[in-house]
Amino acid sequence: MVSVVSLWLPILVAAVLVFIASSIIHMLLPYHRSDYGKVPAEDDVMDALRRFNIPPGDYLLPNPFTPQGTRASDFVAKLEKGPVAMMTVMKAGPPKMGGQLTAWFLYTVVVGVFAGYVAGIVFAPGAPYMPVFRITGTVAFAGYALALWQQTIWYKLAWTSTLKSTFDGLIYALLTAGAFGWLWPS
């Protein structure tokens, strides 16, 4: 057994590698640029929503509020008339990426901690590269990719976006696995 504390180096190296890879994927490669479509008459829609001063948060249109409300005739009529939407309203102004990038880096550390924890239960010091790679890569893939599918299943995020992010998760998992296999304590 290997303690998570003794795996600080592969955890941090994996986090840095994933952070760099995700930056390259999202800033230089074009395949995520089509994840969100443009709303027709964007300016008109934004002008219409602006007058309601909707606070930042997640919203459902129409919203039945209760399970019983889903059977109400006025709710069903609103569903049929449309539009039906789930939306996230963010604070106005340019995004402040510092907090998001910090949270993302901390998330990559957390995924590394879980991958290291599971591998630390399975392997002793000096374990061979490939078994460590397989276990940590599997756990990291679960952490980076599998939960994304819920967004498509329940919230109708496009499958193409989810599959592209799943591919990203595979890249992140392979980098994490490589770091752990390389830096596993002897």
Foldseek 3Di string as FASTA:
>chain_A
DADLVVCVQLLLQLLVVLLVLVCCCVPPNDPCVVQDDADPVNVVVCVVVVVVVDDFDKDWVPDLPDPVSCPDPVRVVRVVVDDTAIDGDDDDDDDDCPVVSVVSSVLSSVLLSVLCVVVRVVDDAPDALVVSLVSSLVSQLCSQADVLVCCCVPVNRDPSNNVVSSVSSNVSSNSSSNSCSVPRHD
